[in-house]
Amino acid sequence: MNRRNIFARVLFFYVDGFRNLSGWGKKLWIIILLKGIVIFVLMKLLFFPNVLNQNYDTDAERSNHVLETLTKSK
């Protein structure tokens, strides 16, 4: 079978399944997706700040810091 054909069949399988959901099923999936997006954005902003951009001005300084951190022996 053609690889593209398999991906298209899987995609249409899920699209057809979502099309045939009842009203409450669609609302439930919308709530789940929105909740996942909100949680991802909050986690990204609160727990994973871009420390290299905050502490270093140039790409050379950032790469030097990463290189020193990775090659530093304990």
N, C-alpha and C. Protein backbone atom coordinates (compact mmCIF):
# COMPACT_ATOMS: atom_id res chain seq x y z
N MET A 1 0.83 -1.19 0.00
CA MET A 1 0.00 0.00 0.00
C MET A 1 0.87 1.25 0.00
N ASN A 2 0.33 2.27 -0.54
CA ASN A 2 1.00 3.55 -0.58
C ASN A 2 0.96 4.20 0.80
N ARG A 3 2.09 4.74 1.23
CA ARG A 3 2.17 5.35 2.56
C ARG A 3 1.21 6.53 2.67
N ARG A 4 1.13 7.34 1.64
CA ARG A 4 0.23 8.49 1.67
C ARG A 4 -1.22 8.03 1.78
N ASN A 5 -1.53 6.95 1.12
CA ASN A 5 -2.88 6.42 1.16
C ASN A 5 -3.24 5.98 2.58
N ILE A 6 -2.30 5.39 3.29
CA ILE A 6 -2.56 4.94 4.66
C ILE A 6 -2.82 6.14 5.56
N PHE A 7 -1.99 7.20 5.45
CA PHE A 7 -2.19 8.39 6.27
C PHE A 7 -3.52 9.06 5.96
N ALA A 8 -3.89 9.10 4.69
CA ALA A 8 -5.17 9.70 4.31
C ALA A 8 -6.32 8.88 4.88
N ARG A 9 -6.21 7.57 4.83
CA ARG A 9 -7.29 6.72 5.36
C ARG A 9 -7.43 6.89 6.86
N VAL A 10 -6.30 6.99 7.58
CA VAL A 10 -6.35 7.19 9.03
C VAL A 10 -6.94 8.55 9.35
N LEU A 11 -6.51 9.58 8.62
CA LEU A 11 -7.05 10.93 8.84
C LEU A 11 -8.55 10.96 8.60
N PHE A 12 -9.01 10.40 7.49
CA PHE A 12 -10.44 10.40 7.20
C PHE A 12 -11.22 9.55 8.20
N PHE A 13 -10.59 8.51 8.74
CA PHE A 13 -11.24 7.70 9.77
C PHE A 13 -11.57 8.56 10.99
N TYR A 14 -10.58 9.37 11.45
CA TYR A 14 -10.81 10.21 12.62
C TYR A 14 -11.75 11.36 12.31
N VAL A 15 -11.61 11.98 11.14
CA VAL A 15 -12.49 13.07 10.77
C VAL A 15 -13.93 12.58 10.70
N ASP A 16 -14.14 11.43 10.11
CA ASP A 16 -15.48 10.86 10.02
C ASP A 16 -16.02 10.53 11.42
N GLY A 17 -15.16 10.04 12.29
CA GLY A 17 -15.58 9.74 13.65
C GLY A 17 -15.99 10.97 14.41
N PHE A 18 -15.24 12.07 14.27
CA PHE A 18 -15.61 13.31 14.95
C PHE A 18 -16.88 13.91 14.36
N ARG A 19 -17.08 13.75 13.06
CA ARG A 19 -18.28 14.25 12.42
C ARG A 19 -19.53 13.56 12.96
N ASN A 20 -19.40 12.29 13.30
CA ASN A 20 -20.55 11.51 13.75
C ASN A 20 -20.75 11.54 15.26
N LEU A 21 -19.97 12.34 15.98
CA LEU A 21 -20.16 12.44 17.43
C LEU A 21 -21.45 13.17 17.74
N SER A 22 -21.99 12.85 18.89
CA SER A 22 -23.18 13.57 19.33
C SER A 22 -22.78 14.97 19.79
N GLY A 23 -23.76 15.79 20.09
CA GLY A 23 -23.50 17.17 20.50
C GLY A 23 -22.66 17.27 21.75
N TRP A 24 -22.97 16.43 22.75
CA TRP A 24 -22.21 16.49 23.99
C TRP A 24 -20.79 15.94 23.80
N GLY A 25 -20.62 15.01 22.87
CA GLY A 25 -19.29 14.48 22.59
C GLY A 25 -18.38 15.53 21.98
N LYS A 26 -18.93 16.32 21.05
CA LYS A 26 -18.14 17.39 20.43
C LYS A 26 -17.77 18.45 21.46
N LYS A 27 -18.74 18.80 22.32
CA LYS A 27 -18.46 19.79 23.37
C LYS A 27 -17.39 19.28 24.32
N LEU A 28 -17.44 18.01 24.66
CA LEU A 28 -16.46 17.42 25.55
C LEU A 28 -15.06 17.49 24.93
N TRP A 29 -14.93 17.16 23.64
CA TRP A 29 -13.63 17.23 22.98
C TRP A 29 -13.12 18.66 22.88
N ILE A 30 -14.00 19.61 22.66
CA ILE A 30 -13.58 21.02 22.63
C ILE A 30 -13.05 21.43 23.99
N ILE A 31 -13.73 21.04 25.06
CA ILE A 31 -13.27 21.35 26.41
C ILE A 31 -11.91 20.71 26.68
N ILE A 32 -11.74 19.45 26.28
CA ILE A 32 -10.47 18.75 26.50
C ILE A 32 -9.33 19.45 25.75
N LEU A 33 -9.57 19.81 24.50
CA LEU A 33 -8.53 20.49 23.71
C LEU A 33 -8.18 21.86 24.28
N LEU A 34 -9.20 22.64 24.66
CA LEU A 34 -8.94 23.95 25.25
C LEU A 34 -8.18 23.83 26.57
N LYS A 35 -8.55 22.87 27.38
CA LYS A 35 -7.87 22.65 28.65
C LYS A 35 -6.42 22.28 28.42
N GLY A 36 -6.15 21.41 27.43
CA GLY A 36 -4.77 21.04 27.12
C GLY A 36 -3.95 22.21 26.64
N ILE A 37 -4.54 23.07 25.80
CA ILE A 37 -3.82 24.24 25.31
C ILE A 37 -3.52 25.21 26.44
N VAL A 38 -4.48 25.46 27.30
CA VAL A 38 -4.28 26.37 28.44
C VAL A 38 -3.19 25.83 29.37
N ILE A 39 -3.25 24.55 29.67
CA ILE A 39 -2.25 23.96 30.56
C ILE A 39 -0.86 24.05 29.92
N PHE A 40 -0.75 23.76 28.63
CA PHE A 40 0.54 23.85 27.95
C PHE A 40 1.10 25.27 28.00
N VAL A 41 0.26 26.26 27.71
CA VAL A 41 0.72 27.66 27.71
C VAL A 41 1.15 28.08 29.11
N LEU A 42 0.36 27.74 30.12
CA LEU A 42 0.72 28.10 31.50
C LEU A 42 2.01 27.43 31.94
N MET A 43 2.16 26.15 31.61
CA MET A 43 3.40 25.44 31.98
C MET A 43 4.60 26.08 31.30
N LYS A 44 4.45 26.42 30.03
CA LYS A 44 5.55 27.03 29.27
C LYS A 44 5.94 28.37 29.87
N LEU A 45 4.97 29.19 30.19
CA LEU A 45 5.27 30.52 30.71
C LEU A 45 5.79 30.50 32.15
N LEU A 46 5.20 29.65 32.99
CA LEU A 46 5.54 29.69 34.41
C LEU A 46 6.75 28.84 34.77
N PHE A 47 6.91 27.68 34.15
CA PHE A 47 7.93 26.75 34.61
C PHE A 47 9.12 26.60 33.67
N PHE A 48 9.01 27.09 32.45
CA PHE A 48 10.10 26.94 31.49
C PHE A 48 10.45 28.26 30.84
N PRO A 49 10.93 29.24 31.62
CA PRO A 49 11.29 30.53 31.02
C PRO A 49 12.55 30.38 30.17
N ASN A 50 12.71 31.27 29.22
CA ASN A 50 13.87 31.24 28.33
C ASN A 50 15.03 31.95 29.03
N VAL A 51 15.75 31.21 29.83
CA VAL A 51 16.81 31.76 30.66
C VAL A 51 17.96 32.30 29.81
N LEU A 52 18.29 31.63 28.73
CA LEU A 52 19.41 32.08 27.90
C LEU A 52 19.13 33.44 27.28
N ASN A 53 17.91 33.69 26.85
CA ASN A 53 17.58 35.00 26.29
C ASN A 53 17.57 36.09 27.36
N GLN A 54 17.24 35.73 28.58
CA GLN A 54 17.19 36.72 29.65
C GLN A 54 18.58 37.08 30.16
N ASN A 55 19.48 36.10 30.20
CA ASN A 55 20.78 36.32 30.83
C ASN A 55 21.90 36.68 29.86
N TYR A 56 21.73 36.43 28.58
CA TYR A 56 22.80 36.66 27.61
C TYR A 56 22.24 37.44 26.42
N ASP A 57 23.06 38.37 25.91
CA ASP A 57 22.60 39.26 24.85
C ASP A 57 22.81 38.71 23.45
N THR A 58 23.91 38.00 23.21
CA THR A 58 24.22 37.56 21.86
C THR A 58 24.20 36.03 21.77
N ASP A 59 24.11 35.56 20.54
CA ASP A 59 24.14 34.11 20.31
C ASP A 59 25.48 33.52 20.71
N ALA A 60 26.55 34.28 20.53
CA ALA A 60 27.88 33.79 20.90
C ALA A 60 27.97 33.56 22.41
N GLU A 61 27.45 34.49 23.20
CA GLU A 61 27.46 34.32 24.65
C GLU A 61 26.61 33.11 25.07
N ARG A 62 25.46 32.94 24.43
CA ARG A 62 24.59 31.80 24.76
C ARG A 62 25.27 30.48 24.42
N SER A 63 25.85 30.40 23.23
CA SER A 63 26.49 29.15 22.83
C SER A 63 27.71 28.86 23.69
N ASN A 64 28.45 29.89 24.09
CA ASN A 64 29.60 29.68 24.97
C ASN A 64 29.16 29.16 26.33
N HIS A 65 28.07 29.71 26.85
CA HIS A 65 27.55 29.23 28.14
C HIS A 65 27.12 27.77 28.06
N VAL A 66 26.41 27.41 26.98
CA VAL A 66 25.95 26.03 26.82
C VAL A 66 27.14 25.10 26.68
N LEU A 67 28.13 25.49 25.89
CA LEU A 67 29.33 24.67 25.72
C LEU A 67 30.07 24.47 27.03
N GLU A 68 30.23 25.52 27.80
CA GLU A 68 30.92 25.41 29.10
C GLU A 68 30.11 24.53 30.06
N THR A 69 28.81 24.67 30.05
CA THR A 69 27.97 23.88 30.96
C THR A 69 28.01 22.40 30.60
N LEU A 70 27.99 22.08 29.30
CA LEU A 70 27.99 20.69 28.89
C LEU A 70 29.34 20.02 29.05
N THR A 71 30.40 20.75 28.91
CA THR A 71 31.74 20.16 28.97
C THR A 71 32.38 20.28 30.35
N LYS A 72 31.73 20.91 31.28
CA LYS A 72 32.27 21.10 32.63
C LYS A 72 32.30 19.75 33.35
N SER A 73 33.45 19.37 33.88
CA SER A 73 33.54 18.12 34.64
C SER A 73 33.19 18.38 36.09
N LYS A 74 32.63 17.39 36.72
CA LYS A 74 32.19 17.53 38.11
C LYS A 74 33.23 17.06 39.07
